[in-house]
């Protein structure tokens, strides 16, 4: 039989909702172990896809 989970799924869901809404990382500590949830932030340093530019010669 496996040991019980440190954090309930419902608690993780609430943490994820707060992290997404507020844009912060949420941490809790259970029995000396830290569990965190971070929002999904797009990579700032990676360039976006470039639009195709048409070259027009007159």
N, C-alpha and C. Protein backbone atom coordinates (compact mmCIF):
# COMPACT_ATOMS: atom_id res chain seq x y z
N UNK A 1 0.84 -1.18 0.00
CA UNK A 1 0.00 0.00 0.00
C UNK A 1 0.89 1.24 0.00
N UNK A 2 0.53 2.24 -0.77
CA UNK A 2 1.33 3.45 -0.87
C UNK A 2 1.00 4.43 0.26
N UNK A 3 1.94 5.32 0.49
CA UNK A 3 1.73 6.32 1.54
C UNK A 3 0.76 7.40 1.04
N UNK A 4 0.07 8.07 1.95
CA UNK A 4 -0.87 9.11 1.52
C UNK A 4 -0.13 10.30 0.90
N UNK A 5 -0.80 11.00 0.03
CA UNK A 5 -0.21 12.15 -0.65
C UNK A 5 0.05 13.28 0.35
N UNK A 6 1.13 14.03 0.10
CA UNK A 6 1.44 15.16 0.96
C UNK A 6 0.39 16.26 0.84
N UNK A 7 -0.09 16.47 -0.39
CA UNK A 7 -1.05 17.54 -0.67
C UNK A 7 -2.21 16.93 -1.45
N UNK A 8 -3.41 17.29 -1.08
CA UNK A 8 -4.59 16.80 -1.79
C UNK A 8 -4.68 17.44 -3.17
N UNK A 9 -5.28 16.75 -4.09
CA UNK A 9 -5.46 17.27 -5.44
C UNK A 9 -6.28 18.56 -5.44
N UNK A 10 -7.27 18.63 -4.59
CA UNK A 10 -8.10 19.84 -4.51
C UNK A 10 -7.29 21.04 -4.03
N UNK A 11 -6.33 20.80 -3.11
CA UNK A 11 -5.46 21.88 -2.65
C UNK A 11 -4.54 22.35 -3.77
N UNK A 12 -4.00 21.42 -4.54
CA UNK A 12 -3.15 21.79 -5.67
C UNK A 12 -3.93 22.59 -6.71
N UNK A 13 -5.18 22.21 -6.92
CA UNK A 13 -6.02 22.93 -7.89
C UNK A 13 -6.25 24.37 -7.42
N UNK A 14 -6.52 24.54 -6.13
CA UNK A 14 -6.72 25.89 -5.59
C UNK A 14 -5.44 26.72 -5.71
N UNK A 15 -4.30 26.08 -5.43
CA UNK A 15 -3.01 26.76 -5.55
C UNK A 15 -2.76 27.19 -6.99
N UNK A 16 -3.07 26.31 -7.93
CA UNK A 16 -2.87 26.62 -9.34
C UNK A 16 -3.77 27.77 -9.78
N UNK A 17 -5.00 27.79 -9.30
CA UNK A 17 -5.92 28.88 -9.64
C UNK A 17 -5.39 30.22 -9.14
N UNK A 18 -4.87 30.25 -7.92
CA UNK A 18 -4.32 31.48 -7.36
C UNK A 18 -3.07 31.89 -8.14
N UNK A 19 -2.19 30.93 -8.44
CA UNK A 19 -0.97 31.23 -9.17
C UNK A 19 -1.28 31.82 -10.54
N UNK A 20 -2.27 31.27 -11.20
CA UNK A 20 -2.64 31.76 -12.53
C UNK A 20 -3.29 33.14 -12.45
N UNK A 21 -4.18 33.34 -11.50
CA UNK A 21 -4.90 34.60 -11.38
C UNK A 21 -4.00 35.75 -10.95
N UNK A 22 -3.08 35.47 -10.04
CA UNK A 22 -2.23 36.53 -9.49
C UNK A 22 -0.86 36.61 -10.14
N UNK A 23 -0.49 35.60 -10.92
CA UNK A 23 0.83 35.60 -11.58
C UNK A 23 1.98 35.41 -10.62
N UNK A 24 1.77 34.64 -9.56
CA UNK A 24 2.81 34.40 -8.56
C UNK A 24 3.02 32.90 -8.37
N UNK A 25 4.12 32.55 -7.70
CA UNK A 25 4.36 31.16 -7.33
C UNK A 25 3.80 30.95 -5.94
N UNK A 26 3.07 29.87 -5.74
CA UNK A 26 2.45 29.55 -4.45
C UNK A 26 3.17 28.34 -3.85
N UNK A 27 3.65 28.49 -2.62
CA UNK A 27 4.36 27.41 -1.94
C UNK A 27 3.64 27.06 -0.64
N UNK A 28 3.65 25.76 -0.33
CA UNK A 28 3.23 25.32 1.00
C UNK A 28 4.29 24.35 1.51
N UNK A 29 4.39 24.22 2.81
CA UNK A 29 5.34 23.30 3.40
C UNK A 29 4.59 22.27 4.21
N UNK A 30 4.86 20.99 3.94
CA UNK A 30 4.21 19.90 4.64
C UNK A 30 5.29 18.93 5.12
N UNK A 31 5.37 18.74 6.40
CA UNK A 31 6.35 17.81 6.99
C UNK A 31 7.77 18.09 6.51
N UNK A 32 8.14 19.36 6.41
CA UNK A 32 9.49 19.72 6.00
C UNK A 32 9.73 19.70 4.50
N UNK A 33 8.72 19.38 3.72
CA UNK A 33 8.85 19.37 2.26
C UNK A 33 8.05 20.52 1.68
N UNK A 34 8.67 21.22 0.72
CA UNK A 34 7.99 22.35 0.09
C UNK A 34 7.39 21.90 -1.24
N UNK A 35 6.16 22.31 -1.47
CA UNK A 35 5.45 22.02 -2.71
C UNK A 35 5.03 23.35 -3.29
N UNK A 36 5.36 23.58 -4.58
CA UNK A 36 5.04 24.87 -5.19
C UNK A 36 4.32 24.72 -6.52
N UNK A 37 3.58 25.74 -6.85
CA UNK A 37 2.86 25.81 -8.12
C UNK A 37 3.16 27.17 -8.73
N UNK A 38 3.59 27.19 -9.99
CA UNK A 38 3.92 28.44 -10.69
C UNK A 38 2.96 28.64 -11.85
N UNK A 39 2.71 29.91 -12.21
CA UNK A 39 1.85 30.17 -13.36
C UNK A 39 2.58 29.83 -14.65
N UNK A 40 1.84 29.63 -15.71
CA UNK A 40 2.41 29.35 -17.01
C UNK A 40 2.75 30.68 -17.67
N UNK A 41 4.02 31.07 -17.58
CA UNK A 41 4.46 32.35 -18.14
C UNK A 41 5.20 32.06 -19.45
N UNK A 42 4.80 32.74 -20.53
CA UNK A 42 5.52 32.51 -21.80
C UNK A 42 6.97 32.93 -21.68
N UNK A 43 7.82 32.28 -22.45
CA UNK A 43 9.24 32.61 -22.42
C UNK A 43 9.45 34.00 -22.99
N UNK A 44 10.04 34.86 -22.22
CA UNK A 44 10.25 36.24 -22.63
C UNK A 44 11.45 36.33 -23.58
N UNK A 45 12.44 35.50 -23.37
CA UNK A 45 13.67 35.63 -24.13
C UNK A 45 13.64 34.93 -25.49
N UNK A 46 12.65 34.12 -25.74
CA UNK A 46 12.60 33.47 -27.05
C UNK A 46 11.82 34.36 -28.01
N UNK A 47 12.36 34.55 -29.21
CA UNK A 47 11.67 35.44 -30.17
C UNK A 47 10.38 34.81 -30.67
N UNK A 48 9.41 35.66 -30.91
CA UNK A 48 8.16 35.19 -31.49
C UNK A 48 8.41 34.82 -32.95
N UNK A 49 7.49 34.07 -33.49
CA UNK A 49 7.62 33.73 -34.90
C UNK A 49 7.51 35.01 -35.72
N UNK A 50 8.39 35.15 -36.67
CA UNK A 50 8.38 36.34 -37.50
C UNK A 50 7.33 36.21 -38.59
N UNK A 51 6.66 37.30 -38.85
CA UNK A 51 5.70 37.30 -39.95
C UNK A 51 6.47 37.30 -41.26
N UNK A 52 5.90 36.66 -42.25
CA UNK A 52 6.52 36.65 -43.56
C UNK A 52 6.30 38.02 -44.20
N UNK A 53 7.39 38.62 -44.63
CA UNK A 53 7.32 39.95 -45.23
C UNK A 53 7.43 39.81 -46.74
N UNK A 54 6.50 40.43 -47.41
CA UNK A 54 6.54 40.42 -48.87
C UNK A 54 7.45 41.52 -49.35
N UNK A 55 8.30 41.19 -50.29
CA UNK A 55 9.17 42.19 -50.85
C UNK A 55 8.51 42.76 -52.10
N UNK A 56 8.37 44.07 -52.15
CA UNK A 56 7.73 44.72 -53.28
C UNK A 56 8.77 45.58 -53.98
N UNK A 57 8.96 45.32 -55.26
CA UNK A 57 9.91 46.13 -56.03
C UNK A 57 9.13 46.96 -57.03
N UNK A 58 9.45 48.22 -57.10
CA UNK A 58 8.78 49.12 -58.04
C UNK A 58 9.65 49.44 -59.22
